[in-house]
Amino acid sequence: MINYQLSNSAFIITGGAGLLGKSIAYELLQSDSTIVLVDINAKLLDECIHQLKSHCDRGKLFSIELDIT
């Protein structure tokens, strides 16, 4: 098994307001990572940020409303 050190790392997650993006962000936040969630849906993105911040007090979390197509 490979053991990765993720603390003090930065990640950009596209589709961040979706179920998979939110789950990945949560796990990365647990390792004190810096996360930038990117999604086209600002309302869902705001809800996702609120949920993540209420369940996790580690790491840094930012969001950007963006259409990457």
N, C-alpha and C. Protein backbone atom coordinates (compact mmCIF):
# COMPACT_ATOMS: atom_id res chain seq x y z
N MET A 1 0.84 -1.18 0.00
CA MET A 1 0.00 0.00 0.00
C MET A 1 0.89 1.25 0.00
N ILE A 2 0.56 2.19 -0.83
CA ILE A 2 1.29 3.45 -0.92
C ILE A 2 0.69 4.43 0.08
N ASN A 3 1.53 5.09 0.84
CA ASN A 3 1.08 6.06 1.82
C ASN A 3 1.46 7.46 1.34
N TYR A 4 0.48 8.29 1.04
CA TYR A 4 0.72 9.64 0.55
C TYR A 4 0.59 10.65 1.68
N GLN A 5 1.46 11.64 1.67
CA GLN A 5 1.38 12.75 2.62
C GLN A 5 0.62 13.89 1.93
N LEU A 6 -0.60 14.18 2.36
CA LEU A 6 -1.45 15.17 1.72
C LEU A 6 -1.53 16.49 2.48
N SER A 7 -1.01 16.54 3.69
CA SER A 7 -1.09 17.78 4.46
C SER A 7 -0.23 18.85 3.79
N ASN A 8 -0.67 20.07 3.91
CA ASN A 8 0.00 21.22 3.30
C ASN A 8 0.04 21.13 1.78
N SER A 9 -0.91 20.44 1.19
CA SER A 9 -1.04 20.35 -0.27
C SER A 9 -2.27 21.14 -0.69
N ALA A 10 -2.30 21.53 -1.96
CA ALA A 10 -3.45 22.27 -2.50
C ALA A 10 -4.08 21.46 -3.63
N PHE A 11 -5.41 21.47 -3.70
CA PHE A 11 -6.15 20.71 -4.69
C PHE A 11 -7.26 21.57 -5.29
N ILE A 12 -7.48 21.44 -6.57
CA ILE A 12 -8.61 22.06 -7.26
C ILE A 12 -9.55 20.93 -7.66
N ILE A 13 -10.80 21.03 -7.24
CA ILE A 13 -11.78 19.98 -7.54
C ILE A 13 -12.86 20.58 -8.42
N THR A 14 -12.91 20.15 -9.69
CA THR A 14 -13.97 20.60 -10.59
C THR A 14 -15.21 19.76 -10.34
N GLY A 15 -16.37 20.35 -10.55
CA GLY A 15 -17.61 19.67 -10.20
C GLY A 15 -17.70 19.52 -8.69
N GLY A 16 -17.13 20.48 -7.98
CA GLY A 16 -16.98 20.40 -6.54
C GLY A 16 -18.27 20.37 -5.75
N ALA A 17 -19.37 20.87 -6.30
CA ALA A 17 -20.64 20.89 -5.58
C ALA A 17 -21.39 19.56 -5.69
N GLY A 18 -20.90 18.67 -6.51
CA GLY A 18 -21.54 17.37 -6.67
C GLY A 18 -21.18 16.42 -5.54
N LEU A 19 -21.83 15.29 -5.49
CA LEU A 19 -21.62 14.32 -4.42
C LEU A 19 -20.17 13.84 -4.35
N LEU A 20 -19.60 13.50 -5.47
CA LEU A 20 -18.23 13.00 -5.49
C LEU A 20 -17.24 14.10 -5.10
N GLY A 21 -17.42 15.29 -5.65
CA GLY A 21 -16.54 16.41 -5.33
C GLY A 21 -16.57 16.75 -3.85
N LYS A 22 -17.76 16.76 -3.27
CA LYS A 22 -17.92 17.07 -1.84
C LYS A 22 -17.25 15.99 -0.98
N SER A 23 -17.40 14.74 -1.37
CA SER A 23 -16.79 13.64 -0.61
C SER A 23 -15.27 13.70 -0.66
N ILE A 24 -14.75 13.97 -1.84
CA ILE A 24 -13.29 14.08 -1.99
C ILE A 24 -12.78 15.27 -1.17
N ALA A 25 -13.47 16.40 -1.25
CA ALA A 25 -13.06 17.59 -0.50
C ALA A 25 -13.03 17.31 0.99
N TYR A 26 -14.05 16.63 1.48
CA TYR A 26 -14.12 16.32 2.91
C TYR A 26 -12.90 15.52 3.36
N GLU A 27 -12.58 14.48 2.61
CA GLU A 27 -11.43 13.64 2.97
C GLU A 27 -10.12 14.41 2.91
N LEU A 28 -9.97 15.26 1.91
CA LEU A 28 -8.75 16.06 1.80
C LEU A 28 -8.65 17.10 2.90
N LEU A 29 -9.77 17.69 3.29
CA LEU A 29 -9.77 18.64 4.39
C LEU A 29 -9.32 18.00 5.70
N GLN A 30 -9.67 16.73 5.88
CA GLN A 30 -9.26 16.01 7.08
C GLN A 30 -7.74 15.93 7.22
N SER A 31 -7.02 16.05 6.10
CA SER A 31 -5.56 15.98 6.13
C SER A 31 -4.93 17.37 6.08
N ASP A 32 -5.70 18.39 6.44
CA ASP A 32 -5.23 19.78 6.48
C ASP A 32 -4.79 20.32 5.12
N SER A 33 -5.43 19.89 4.07
CA SER A 33 -5.13 20.38 2.73
C SER A 33 -5.88 21.68 2.45
N THR A 34 -5.44 22.38 1.42
CA THR A 34 -6.15 23.55 0.92
C THR A 34 -6.94 23.11 -0.29
N ILE A 35 -8.24 23.39 -0.30
CA ILE A 35 -9.14 22.94 -1.35
C ILE A 35 -9.78 24.13 -2.04
N VAL A 36 -9.83 24.08 -3.37
CA VAL A 36 -10.60 25.04 -4.15
C VAL A 36 -11.67 24.25 -4.89
N LEU A 37 -12.92 24.47 -4.52
CA LEU A 37 -14.03 23.81 -5.20
C LEU A 37 -14.49 24.69 -6.36
N VAL A 38 -14.63 24.10 -7.52
CA VAL A 38 -15.06 24.81 -8.73
C VAL A 38 -16.34 24.16 -9.23
N ASP A 39 -17.36 24.98 -9.49
CA ASP A 39 -18.61 24.45 -10.02
C ASP A 39 -19.36 25.58 -10.72
N ILE A 40 -20.21 25.21 -11.67
CA ILE A 40 -21.00 26.20 -12.41
C ILE A 40 -22.23 26.65 -11.61
N ASN A 41 -22.67 25.83 -10.67
CA ASN A 41 -23.88 26.11 -9.90
C ASN A 41 -23.52 26.80 -8.58
N ALA A 42 -23.66 28.12 -8.54
CA ALA A 42 -23.26 28.90 -7.37
C ALA A 42 -24.07 28.53 -6.13
N LYS A 43 -25.35 28.27 -6.29
CA LYS A 43 -26.20 27.95 -5.13
C LYS A 43 -25.75 26.63 -4.49
N LEU A 44 -25.56 25.60 -5.31
CA LEU A 44 -25.10 24.32 -4.78
C LEU A 44 -23.70 24.43 -4.19
N LEU A 45 -22.87 25.24 -4.82
CA LEU A 45 -21.51 25.44 -4.33
C LEU A 45 -21.52 26.08 -2.94
N ASP A 46 -22.35 27.09 -2.74
CA ASP A 46 -22.47 27.73 -1.43
C ASP A 46 -22.98 26.75 -0.38
N GLU A 47 -23.96 25.93 -0.74
CA GLU A 47 -24.49 24.93 0.19
C GLU A 47 -23.42 23.91 0.56
N CYS A 48 -22.65 23.50 -0.44
CA CYS A 48 -21.59 22.53 -0.22
C CYS A 48 -20.52 23.09 0.72
N ILE A 49 -20.11 24.33 0.48
CA ILE A 49 -19.12 24.99 1.34
C ILE A 49 -19.62 25.06 2.78
N HIS A 50 -20.88 25.45 2.94
CA HIS A 50 -21.47 25.54 4.28
C HIS A 50 -21.45 24.18 4.98
N GLN A 51 -21.86 23.13 4.26
CA GLN A 51 -21.88 21.79 4.85
C GLN A 51 -20.48 21.32 5.24
N LEU A 52 -19.52 21.54 4.34
CA LEU A 52 -18.16 21.09 4.63
C LEU A 52 -17.58 21.84 5.83
N LYS A 53 -17.80 23.14 5.89
CA LYS A 53 -17.27 23.92 7.01
C LYS A 53 -17.93 23.55 8.33
N SER A 54 -19.19 23.14 8.28
CA SER A 54 -19.87 22.77 9.52
C SER A 54 -19.44 21.38 10.03
N HIS A 55 -18.93 20.53 9.14
CA HIS A 55 -18.52 19.17 9.52
C HIS A 55 -17.01 19.01 9.68
N CYS A 56 -16.25 19.99 9.25
CA CYS A 56 -14.80 19.85 9.30
C CYS A 56 -14.16 21.20 9.60
N ASP A 57 -13.34 21.23 10.63
CA ASP A 57 -12.68 22.48 11.01
C ASP A 57 -11.19 22.47 10.67
N ARG A 58 -10.80 21.57 9.80
CA ARG A 58 -9.40 21.48 9.40
C ARG A 58 -9.25 21.93 7.95
N GLY A 59 -8.04 22.22 7.54
CA GLY A 59 -7.77 22.60 6.17
C GLY A 59 -8.32 23.99 5.84
N LYS A 60 -8.13 24.38 4.59
CA LYS A 60 -8.64 25.66 4.10
C LYS A 60 -9.52 25.37 2.89
N LEU A 61 -10.63 26.09 2.80
CA LEU A 61 -11.62 25.82 1.77
C LEU A 61 -12.02 27.10 1.05
N PHE A 62 -11.95 27.06 -0.27
CA PHE A 62 -12.32 28.19 -1.12
C PHE A 62 -13.24 27.69 -2.22
N SER A 63 -13.99 28.61 -2.85
CA SER A 63 -14.87 28.21 -3.94
C SER A 63 -14.81 29.23 -5.07
N ILE A 64 -15.04 28.75 -6.27
CA ILE A 64 -15.08 29.60 -7.46
C ILE A 64 -16.24 29.12 -8.33
N GLU A 65 -17.15 30.03 -8.67
CA GLU A 65 -18.21 29.71 -9.63
C GLU A 65 -17.59 29.85 -11.02
N LEU A 66 -17.60 28.75 -11.78
CA LEU A 66 -16.90 28.75 -13.06
C LEU A 66 -17.45 27.67 -13.98
N ASP A 67 -17.61 27.99 -15.24
CA ASP A 67 -17.97 27.03 -16.27
C ASP A 67 -16.68 26.67 -17.01
N ILE A 68 -16.21 25.45 -16.85
CA ILE A 68 -14.93 25.07 -17.44
C ILE A 68 -15.06 24.51 -18.86
N THR A 69 -16.27 24.49 -19.40
CA THR A 69 -16.42 23.93 -20.75
C THR A 69 -15.89 24.86 -21.81
